[in-house]
Amino acid sequence: MSDFDWNGVLGIRIFHASSQPPSNADIADAEDFPVEQKVPGYLCQAARMLLGFSQQELHELANVSKKSINDYENGAVDIKASLVNRMAVALREAGVRFVAGPRFVGVVVRSTRSEAEDRIRRRRERQSRGSDRISEGEGTHDAPGTSERRPRGRPRNAVRSRA
């Protein structure tokens, strides 16, 4: 392939209800996801990931707690429609188009080269900061009676006692 200077990027994530993949004709018939419907958590997650946003960045843009974002994206809870709307609006303003068609829903992200490069740079900075904190011991503590380091916080499967 010859070298060329690219100016834009298009990211698409389609979720299809059939056991058969959607045809090109199906995708061509995609319309905007109905604004009156709550955007499902998995679509919010797909949009966030295509944009290269962390949950922290979406939290800051949408003013929705990181816990609510995480729980909703993973299907653990059904949050208020107003919170989902704030997330969807923030994602749309960042360049996301939620789409729906016959037996599928999806996400389309179009961006210029500079926008895509900015997202890549931010992602690398986040990854670098994350690895720096772990290597410096932030986010971990010694397990009692050992020199072993383990993550801070309650394990996901731990049951919180109600005293």
N, C-alpha and C. Protein backbone atom coordinates (compact mmCIF):
# COMPACT_ATOMS: atom_id res chain seq x y z
N MET A 1 0.85 -1.18 0.00
CA MET A 1 0.00 0.00 0.00
C MET A 1 0.89 1.24 0.00
N SER A 2 0.53 2.22 -0.79
CA SER A 2 1.34 3.43 -0.86
C SER A 2 1.07 4.31 0.36
N ASP A 3 2.05 5.15 0.66
CA ASP A 3 1.88 6.10 1.76
C ASP A 3 0.88 7.16 1.35
N PHE A 4 0.07 7.57 2.30
CA PHE A 4 -0.86 8.66 2.05
C PHE A 4 -1.09 9.40 3.35
N ASP A 5 -1.50 10.62 3.22
CA ASP A 5 -1.75 11.45 4.39
C ASP A 5 -3.24 11.40 4.71
N TRP A 6 -3.59 10.82 5.85
CA TRP A 6 -4.99 10.68 6.21
C TRP A 6 -5.48 11.92 6.96
N ASN A 7 -6.76 12.22 6.81
CA ASN A 7 -7.32 13.43 7.41
C ASN A 7 -8.49 13.17 8.34
N GLY A 8 -8.97 11.94 8.38
CA GLY A 8 -10.11 11.65 9.24
C GLY A 8 -10.19 10.18 9.55
N VAL A 9 -11.03 9.87 10.52
CA VAL A 9 -11.20 8.48 10.93
C VAL A 9 -12.68 8.25 11.24
N LEU A 10 -13.13 7.03 11.00
CA LEU A 10 -14.51 6.65 11.26
C LEU A 10 -14.48 5.36 12.07
N GLY A 11 -15.11 5.38 13.24
CA GLY A 11 -15.21 4.18 14.07
C GLY A 11 -16.66 3.76 14.18
N ILE A 12 -16.93 2.48 14.00
CA ILE A 12 -18.30 1.97 14.04
C ILE A 12 -18.34 0.73 14.93
N ARG A 13 -19.36 0.64 15.77
CA ARG A 13 -19.59 -0.56 16.59
C ARG A 13 -21.07 -0.89 16.46
N ILE A 14 -21.39 -2.06 15.92
CA ILE A 14 -22.77 -2.48 15.68
C ILE A 14 -23.10 -3.67 16.57
N PHE A 15 -24.26 -3.63 17.20
CA PHE A 15 -24.77 -4.74 18.01
C PHE A 15 -26.01 -5.26 17.31
N HIS A 16 -25.95 -6.51 16.85
CA HIS A 16 -27.01 -7.08 16.02
C HIS A 16 -27.77 -8.14 16.79
N ALA A 17 -29.10 -8.15 16.64
CA ALA A 17 -29.95 -9.08 17.39
C ALA A 17 -30.05 -10.45 16.74
N SER A 18 -29.66 -10.57 15.49
CA SER A 18 -29.78 -11.83 14.76
C SER A 18 -28.50 -12.64 14.88
N SER A 19 -28.60 -13.94 14.63
CA SER A 19 -27.40 -14.77 14.62
C SER A 19 -26.57 -14.52 13.37
N GLN A 20 -27.16 -13.88 12.37
CA GLN A 20 -26.46 -13.53 11.14
C GLN A 20 -25.96 -12.09 11.24
N PRO A 21 -24.77 -11.80 10.73
CA PRO A 21 -24.29 -10.42 10.77
C PRO A 21 -25.17 -9.53 9.91
N PRO A 22 -25.25 -8.25 10.25
CA PRO A 22 -26.08 -7.34 9.44
C PRO A 22 -25.49 -7.20 8.05
N SER A 23 -26.37 -7.02 7.08
CA SER A 23 -25.91 -6.82 5.71
C SER A 23 -25.55 -5.35 5.51
N ASN A 24 -24.84 -5.07 4.44
CA ASN A 24 -24.52 -3.68 4.12
C ASN A 24 -25.79 -2.87 3.92
N ALA A 25 -26.82 -3.50 3.38
CA ALA A 25 -28.09 -2.81 3.17
C ALA A 25 -28.71 -2.43 4.52
N ASP A 26 -28.62 -3.33 5.50
CA ASP A 26 -29.16 -3.01 6.83
C ASP A 26 -28.46 -1.78 7.41
N ILE A 27 -27.14 -1.78 7.34
CA ILE A 27 -26.36 -0.69 7.91
C ILE A 27 -26.64 0.61 7.17
N ALA A 28 -26.83 0.53 5.87
CA ALA A 28 -27.15 1.73 5.08
C ALA A 28 -28.49 2.33 5.50
N ASP A 29 -29.38 1.50 6.06
CA ASP A 29 -30.70 1.97 6.50
C ASP A 29 -30.68 2.52 7.93
N ALA A 30 -29.51 2.60 8.54
CA ALA A 30 -29.42 3.06 9.92
C ALA A 30 -29.96 4.49 10.04
N GLU A 31 -30.71 4.69 11.10
CA GLU A 31 -31.23 6.02 11.42
C GLU A 31 -30.72 6.40 12.80
N ASP A 32 -30.91 7.64 13.18
CA ASP A 32 -30.51 8.06 14.52
C ASP A 32 -31.29 7.27 15.56
N PHE A 33 -30.60 6.89 16.63
CA PHE A 33 -31.24 6.21 17.74
C PHE A 33 -32.33 7.14 18.28
N PRO A 34 -33.53 6.62 18.56
CA PRO A 34 -34.62 7.49 19.03
C PRO A 34 -34.23 8.26 20.29
N VAL A 35 -34.32 9.58 20.22
CA VAL A 35 -33.90 10.44 21.32
C VAL A 35 -34.75 10.20 22.57
N GLU A 36 -36.00 9.79 22.38
CA GLU A 36 -36.88 9.57 23.53
C GLU A 36 -36.58 8.27 24.27
N GLN A 37 -35.76 7.40 23.69
CA GLN A 37 -35.40 6.14 24.35
C GLN A 37 -34.09 6.28 25.10
N LYS A 38 -33.98 5.54 26.22
CA LYS A 38 -32.72 5.51 26.96
C LYS A 38 -31.68 4.74 26.16
N VAL A 39 -30.52 5.35 26.00
CA VAL A 39 -29.43 4.68 25.31
C VAL A 39 -28.92 3.56 26.24
N PRO A 40 -28.88 2.31 25.77
CA PRO A 40 -28.42 1.21 26.64
C PRO A 40 -26.98 1.42 27.11
N GLY A 41 -26.66 0.86 28.26
CA GLY A 41 -25.33 0.99 28.86
C GLY A 41 -24.22 0.50 27.95
N TYR A 42 -24.46 -0.62 27.26
CA TYR A 42 -23.40 -1.15 26.39
C TYR A 42 -23.11 -0.21 25.23
N LEU A 43 -24.11 0.56 24.78
CA LEU A 43 -23.86 1.54 23.72
C LEU A 43 -23.08 2.73 24.25
N CYS A 44 -23.40 3.15 25.48
CA CYS A 44 -22.64 4.24 26.09
C CYS A 44 -21.18 3.83 26.23
N GLN A 45 -20.95 2.59 26.67
CA GLN A 45 -19.59 2.10 26.83
C GLN A 45 -18.87 2.05 25.48
N ALA A 46 -19.54 1.54 24.46
CA ALA A 46 -18.94 1.45 23.13
C ALA A 46 -18.58 2.85 22.61
N ALA A 47 -19.48 3.80 22.81
CA ALA A 47 -19.23 5.18 22.37
C ALA A 47 -18.04 5.77 23.12
N ARG A 48 -18.02 5.58 24.42
CA ARG A 48 -16.94 6.12 25.25
C ARG A 48 -15.60 5.53 24.80
N MET A 49 -15.59 4.23 24.54
CA MET A 49 -14.35 3.57 24.15
C MET A 49 -13.90 3.98 22.75
N LEU A 50 -14.84 4.15 21.81
CA LEU A 50 -14.46 4.61 20.48
C LEU A 50 -13.88 6.02 20.53
N LEU A 51 -14.38 6.83 21.44
CA LEU A 51 -13.84 8.17 21.61
C LEU A 51 -12.49 8.16 22.34
N GLY A 52 -12.20 7.05 23.02
CA GLY A 52 -10.97 6.98 23.80
C GLY A 52 -11.09 7.66 25.14
N PHE A 53 -12.33 7.84 25.62
CA PHE A 53 -12.56 8.49 26.91
C PHE A 53 -12.52 7.46 28.03
N SER A 54 -12.01 7.86 29.16
CA SER A 54 -12.09 7.05 30.37
C SER A 54 -13.43 7.32 31.04
N GLN A 55 -13.79 6.49 32.00
CA GLN A 55 -15.01 6.77 32.77
C GLN A 55 -14.87 8.08 33.53
N GLN A 56 -13.66 8.41 33.96
CA GLN A 56 -13.40 9.68 34.65
C GLN A 56 -13.72 10.86 33.73
N GLU A 57 -13.29 10.77 32.47
CA GLU A 57 -13.57 11.86 31.53
C GLU A 57 -15.06 12.00 31.27
N LEU A 58 -15.77 10.87 31.12
CA LEU A 58 -17.22 10.94 30.93
C LEU A 58 -17.88 11.50 32.18
N HIS A 59 -17.42 11.10 33.34
CA HIS A 59 -17.93 11.63 34.61
C HIS A 59 -17.82 13.16 34.61
N GLU A 60 -16.67 13.68 34.20
CA GLU A 60 -16.44 15.13 34.20
C GLU A 60 -17.30 15.83 33.16
N LEU A 61 -17.49 15.22 32.00
CA LEU A 61 -18.28 15.84 30.93
C LEU A 61 -19.78 15.81 31.22
N ALA A 62 -20.25 14.70 31.80
CA ALA A 62 -21.69 14.49 31.97
C ALA A 62 -22.19 14.79 33.38
N ASN A 63 -21.27 14.96 34.32
CA ASN A 63 -21.63 15.17 35.72
C ASN A 63 -22.49 14.00 36.24
N VAL A 64 -21.99 12.79 35.96
CA VAL A 64 -22.60 11.55 36.45
C VAL A 64 -21.50 10.80 37.18
N SER A 65 -21.81 10.21 38.32
CA SER A 65 -20.77 9.55 39.12
C SER A 65 -20.12 8.41 38.34
N LYS A 66 -18.83 8.19 38.61
CA LYS A 66 -18.12 7.09 37.96
C LYS A 66 -18.77 5.75 38.30
N LYS A 67 -19.25 5.59 39.53
CA LYS A 67 -19.90 4.34 39.92
C LYS A 67 -21.16 4.11 39.08
N SER A 68 -21.96 5.15 38.90
CA SER A 68 -23.17 5.02 38.08
C SER A 68 -22.81 4.67 36.65
N ILE A 69 -21.77 5.32 36.11
CA ILE A 69 -21.34 5.03 34.74
C ILE A 69 -20.90 3.58 34.64
N ASN A 70 -20.04 3.15 35.54
CA ASN A 70 -19.53 1.78 35.52
C ASN A 70 -20.66 0.76 35.65
N ASP A 71 -21.52 0.96 36.63
CA ASP A 71 -22.61 0.01 36.87
C ASP A 71 -23.58 -0.04 35.69
N TYR A 72 -23.88 1.12 35.09
CA TYR A 72 -24.80 1.15 33.96
C TYR A 72 -24.19 0.50 32.72
N GLU A 73 -22.92 0.84 32.44
CA GLU A 73 -22.26 0.25 31.28
C GLU A 73 -22.18 -1.27 31.38
N ASN A 74 -22.02 -1.78 32.58
CA ASN A 74 -21.87 -3.22 32.77
C ASN A 74 -23.19 -3.93 33.06
N GLY A 75 -24.30 -3.21 32.97
CA GLY A 75 -25.62 -3.81 33.14
C GLY A 75 -25.96 -4.19 34.56
N ALA A 76 -25.23 -3.66 35.54
CA ALA A 76 -25.48 -4.01 36.94
C ALA A 76 -26.69 -3.29 37.51
N VAL A 77 -26.97 -2.09 37.01
CA VAL A 77 -28.10 -1.30 37.50
C VAL A 77 -28.75 -0.58 36.33
N ASP A 78 -29.99 -0.16 36.55
CA ASP A 78 -30.70 0.68 35.60
C ASP A 78 -30.82 2.06 36.24
N ILE A 79 -30.04 3.02 35.76
CA ILE A 79 -30.01 4.33 36.39
C ILE A 79 -31.11 5.22 35.83
N LYS A 80 -31.34 6.36 36.48
CA LYS A 80 -32.38 7.30 36.07
C LYS A 80 -32.17 7.75 34.62
N ALA A 81 -33.29 7.96 33.94
CA ALA A 81 -33.25 8.41 32.55
C ALA A 81 -32.50 9.74 32.42
N SER A 82 -32.62 10.61 33.41
CA SER A 82 -31.95 11.91 33.34
C SER A 82 -30.43 11.75 33.34
N LEU A 83 -29.91 10.76 34.08
CA LEU A 83 -28.47 10.52 34.10
C LEU A 83 -28.00 9.94 32.76
N VAL A 84 -28.78 9.01 32.22
CA VAL A 84 -28.44 8.42 30.92
C VAL A 84 -28.47 9.51 29.86
N ASN A 85 -29.45 10.40 29.93
CA ASN A 85 -29.54 11.49 28.97
C ASN A 85 -28.32 12.40 29.05
N ARG A 86 -27.85 12.71 30.25
CA ARG A 86 -26.65 13.54 30.41
C ARG A 86 -25.43 12.88 29.77
N MET A 87 -25.31 11.55 29.97
CA MET A 87 -24.20 10.83 29.35
C MET A 87 -24.32 10.86 27.83
N ALA A 88 -25.52 10.59 27.31
CA ALA A 88 -25.74 10.55 25.86
C ALA A 88 -25.48 11.91 25.24
N VAL A 89 -25.92 12.97 25.88
CA VAL A 89 -25.69 14.33 25.37
C VAL A 89 -24.20 14.63 25.33
N ALA A 90 -23.48 14.30 26.40
CA ALA A 90 -22.03 14.55 26.45
C ALA A 90 -21.31 13.76 25.35
N LEU A 91 -21.72 12.51 25.14
CA LEU A 91 -21.10 11.70 24.11
C LEU A 91 -21.42 12.23 22.71
N ARG A 92 -22.67 12.64 22.51
CA ARG A 92 -23.05 13.23 21.21
C ARG A 92 -22.25 14.50 20.94
N GLU A 93 -22.11 15.34 21.96
CA GLU A 93 -21.35 16.58 21.80
C GLU A 93 -19.88 16.30 21.48
N ALA A 94 -19.38 15.15 21.90
CA ALA A 94 -18.00 14.77 21.62
C ALA A 94 -17.85 14.13 20.24
N GLY A 95 -18.96 13.96 19.50
CA GLY A 95 -18.87 13.44 18.14
C GLY A 95 -19.51 12.10 17.89
N VAL A 96 -20.25 11.58 18.85
CA VAL A 96 -20.88 10.26 18.71
C VAL A 96 -22.24 10.39 18.02
N ARG A 97 -22.54 9.43 17.17
CA ARG A 97 -23.89 9.28 16.62
C ARG A 97 -24.38 7.89 17.00
N PHE A 98 -25.44 7.83 17.80
CA PHE A 98 -26.07 6.56 18.14
C PHE A 98 -27.04 6.24 17.00
N VAL A 99 -26.99 5.00 16.51
CA VAL A 99 -27.82 4.61 15.37
C VAL A 99 -28.66 3.38 15.70
N ALA A 100 -29.74 3.22 14.94
CA ALA A 100 -30.61 2.05 15.07
C ALA A 100 -31.10 1.69 13.68
N GLY A 101 -31.30 0.41 13.50
CA GLY A 101 -31.80 -0.07 12.22
C GLY A 101 -32.57 -1.35 12.44
N PRO A 102 -32.89 -2.05 11.36
CA PRO A 102 -33.64 -3.30 11.52
C PRO A 102 -32.78 -4.34 12.27
N ARG A 103 -33.17 -4.65 13.46
CA ARG A 103 -32.53 -5.68 14.30
C ARG A 103 -31.12 -5.34 14.76
N PHE A 104 -30.75 -4.04 14.78
CA PHE A 104 -29.44 -3.67 15.31
C PHE A 104 -29.45 -2.25 15.87
N VAL A 105 -28.50 -2.00 16.74
CA VAL A 105 -28.20 -0.66 17.24
C VAL A 105 -26.69 -0.50 17.16
N GLY A 106 -26.23 0.73 17.21
CA GLY A 106 -24.79 0.91 17.12
C GLY A 106 -24.34 2.32 17.41
N VAL A 107 -23.05 2.52 17.24
CA VAL A 107 -22.39 3.79 17.52
C VAL A 107 -21.49 4.11 16.34
N VAL A 108 -21.51 5.36 15.90
CA VAL A 108 -20.62 5.83 14.85
C VAL A 108 -19.89 7.05 15.39
N VAL A 109 -18.57 7.05 15.24
CA VAL A 109 -17.76 8.20 15.66
C VAL A 109 -16.93 8.63 14.47
N ARG A 110 -17.12 9.86 14.07
CA ARG A 110 -16.32 10.46 13.01
C ARG A 110 -15.46 11.54 13.64
N SER A 111 -14.22 11.60 13.24
CA SER A 111 -13.37 12.66 13.77
C SER A 111 -12.28 13.01 12.78
N THR A 112 -11.76 14.21 12.95
CA THR A 112 -10.65 14.66 12.13
C THR A 112 -9.37 14.01 12.63
N ARG A 113 -8.34 14.14 11.87
CA ARG A 113 -7.05 13.59 12.26
C ARG A 113 -6.58 14.20 13.58
N SER A 114 -6.71 15.51 13.73
CA SER A 114 -6.23 16.15 14.96
C SER A 114 -7.04 15.67 16.17
N GLU A 115 -8.36 15.48 16.01
CA GLU A 115 -9.16 14.96 17.13
C GLU A 115 -8.73 13.54 17.50
N ALA A 116 -8.50 12.71 16.49
CA ALA A 116 -8.07 11.33 16.75
C ALA A 116 -6.70 11.32 17.42
N GLU A 117 -5.79 12.15 16.95
CA GLU A 117 -4.46 12.21 17.55
C GLU A 117 -4.52 12.72 19.00
N ASP A 118 -5.42 13.68 19.28
CA ASP A 118 -5.61 14.17 20.65
C ASP A 118 -6.09 13.04 21.56
N ARG A 119 -7.02 12.22 21.07
CA ARG A 119 -7.53 11.11 21.88
C ARG A 119 -6.43 10.09 22.16
N ILE A 120 -5.62 9.81 21.16
CA ILE A 120 -4.51 8.86 21.34
C ILE A 120 -3.52 9.42 22.36
N ARG A 121 -3.19 10.71 22.25
CA ARG A 121 -2.26 11.33 23.18
C ARG A 121 -2.81 11.28 24.61
N ARG A 122 -4.09 11.61 24.79
CA ARG A 122 -4.71 11.56 26.13
C ARG A 122 -4.68 10.15 26.70
N ARG A 123 -4.99 9.16 25.86
CA ARG A 123 -4.99 7.77 26.31
C ARG A 123 -3.58 7.36 26.77
N ARG A 124 -2.58 7.73 25.99
CA ARG A 124 -1.20 7.39 26.37
C ARG A 124 -0.80 8.09 27.67
N GLU A 125 -1.21 9.34 27.84
CA GLU A 125 -0.91 10.06 29.08
C GLU A 125 -1.58 9.39 30.27
N ARG A 126 -2.83 8.98 30.10
CA ARG A 126 -3.54 8.28 31.19
C ARG A 126 -2.83 6.99 31.54
N GLN A 127 -2.45 6.23 30.51
CA GLN A 127 -1.77 4.97 30.76
C GLN A 127 -0.44 5.20 31.45
N SER A 128 0.27 6.22 31.04
CA SER A 128 1.55 6.53 31.66
C SER A 128 1.37 6.93 33.12
N ARG A 129 0.39 7.80 33.39
CA ARG A 129 0.11 8.21 34.79
C ARG A 129 -0.31 7.02 35.63
N GLY A 130 -1.12 6.13 35.07
CA GLY A 130 -1.58 4.96 35.81
C GLY A 130 -0.44 4.05 36.18
N SER A 131 0.48 3.80 35.25
CA SER A 131 1.61 2.92 35.55
C SER A 131 2.57 3.59 36.52
N ASP A 132 2.70 4.93 36.47
CA ASP A 132 3.55 5.64 37.42
C ASP A 132 3.01 5.50 38.83
N ARG A 133 1.69 5.65 39.00
CA ARG A 133 1.10 5.55 40.34
C ARG A 133 1.28 4.17 40.92
N ILE A 134 1.11 3.15 40.09
CA ILE A 134 1.26 1.78 40.59
C ILE A 134 2.72 1.52 40.96
N SER A 135 3.66 1.99 40.13
CA SER A 135 5.07 1.74 40.44
C SER A 135 5.51 2.53 41.67
N GLU A 136 4.86 3.64 41.97
CA GLU A 136 5.20 4.42 43.15
C GLU A 136 4.46 3.91 44.38
N GLY A 137 3.59 2.93 44.23
CA GLY A 137 2.88 2.37 45.36
C GLY A 137 1.53 2.98 45.62
N GLU A 138 1.12 3.98 44.85
CA GLU A 138 -0.21 4.54 45.04
C GLU A 138 -1.25 3.52 44.60
N GLY A 139 -2.36 3.51 45.27
CA GLY A 139 -3.45 2.60 44.91
C GLY A 139 -3.25 1.20 45.42
N THR A 140 -2.19 0.95 46.19
CA THR A 140 -1.97 -0.37 46.77
C THR A 140 -1.56 -0.21 48.22
N HIS A 141 -1.66 -1.29 48.99
CA HIS A 141 -1.16 -1.27 50.36
C HIS A 141 -0.68 -2.67 50.71
N ASP A 142 0.12 -2.75 51.77
CA ASP A 142 0.66 -4.05 52.18
C ASP A 142 -0.43 -4.91 52.78
N ALA A 143 -0.43 -6.18 52.38
CA ALA A 143 -1.32 -7.14 53.01
C ALA A 143 -0.79 -7.39 54.42
N PRO A 144 -1.65 -7.50 55.43
CA PRO A 144 -1.20 -7.68 56.81
C PRO A 144 -0.24 -8.86 56.94
N GLY A 145 0.90 -8.62 57.58
CA GLY A 145 1.86 -9.67 57.87
C GLY A 145 2.68 -10.13 56.68
N THR A 146 2.61 -9.42 55.56
CA THR A 146 3.39 -9.81 54.39
C THR A 146 3.97 -8.57 53.74
N SER A 147 4.85 -8.78 52.80
CA SER A 147 5.37 -7.66 52.01
C SER A 147 4.65 -7.59 50.67
N GLU A 148 3.61 -8.39 50.51
CA GLU A 148 2.85 -8.46 49.26
C GLU A 148 1.98 -7.22 49.11
N ARG A 149 1.99 -6.63 47.89
CA ARG A 149 1.15 -5.46 47.62
C ARG A 149 -0.17 -5.95 47.02
N ARG A 150 -1.27 -5.31 47.39
CA ARG A 150 -2.55 -5.65 46.80
C ARG A 150 -3.35 -4.38 46.59
N PRO A 151 -4.31 -4.37 45.67
CA PRO A 151 -5.07 -3.16 45.39
C PRO A 151 -5.85 -2.70 46.61
N ARG A 152 -6.02 -1.38 46.69
CA ARG A 152 -6.86 -0.81 47.74
C ARG A 152 -8.32 -1.10 47.44
N GLY A 153 -9.15 -1.00 48.47
CA GLY A 153 -10.59 -1.11 48.28
C GLY A 153 -11.12 -2.51 48.52
N ARG A 154 -12.42 -2.57 48.52
CA ARG A 154 -13.13 -3.81 48.77
C ARG A 154 -13.16 -4.63 47.49
N PRO A 155 -12.83 -5.93 47.56
CA PRO A 155 -12.93 -6.76 46.36
C PRO A 155 -14.36 -6.74 45.81
N ARG A 156 -14.50 -6.90 44.51
CA ARG A 156 -15.83 -6.85 43.88
C ARG A 156 -16.81 -7.83 44.48
N ASN A 157 -16.35 -9.01 44.87
CA ASN A 157 -17.28 -10.04 45.37
C ASN A 157 -17.45 -9.99 46.88
N ALA A 158 -16.83 -9.01 47.54
CA ALA A 158 -16.96 -8.92 49.00
C ALA A 158 -18.35 -8.37 49.34
N VAL A 159 -18.90 -8.87 50.40
CA VAL A 159 -20.21 -8.44 50.86
C VAL A 159 -20.00 -7.36 51.91
N ARG A 160 -20.69 -6.25 51.74
CA ARG A 160 -20.58 -5.16 52.70
C ARG A 160 -21.50 -5.47 53.87
N SER A 161 -20.96 -5.41 55.08
CA SER A 161 -21.79 -5.69 56.27
C SER A 161 -22.60 -4.45 56.60
N ARG A 162 -23.78 -4.65 57.06
CA ARG A 162 -24.67 -3.53 57.44
C ARG A 162 -24.83 -3.54 58.94
N ALA A 163 -24.04 -2.75 59.60
CA ALA A 163 -24.08 -2.71 61.06
C ALA A 163 -24.85 -1.51 61.55
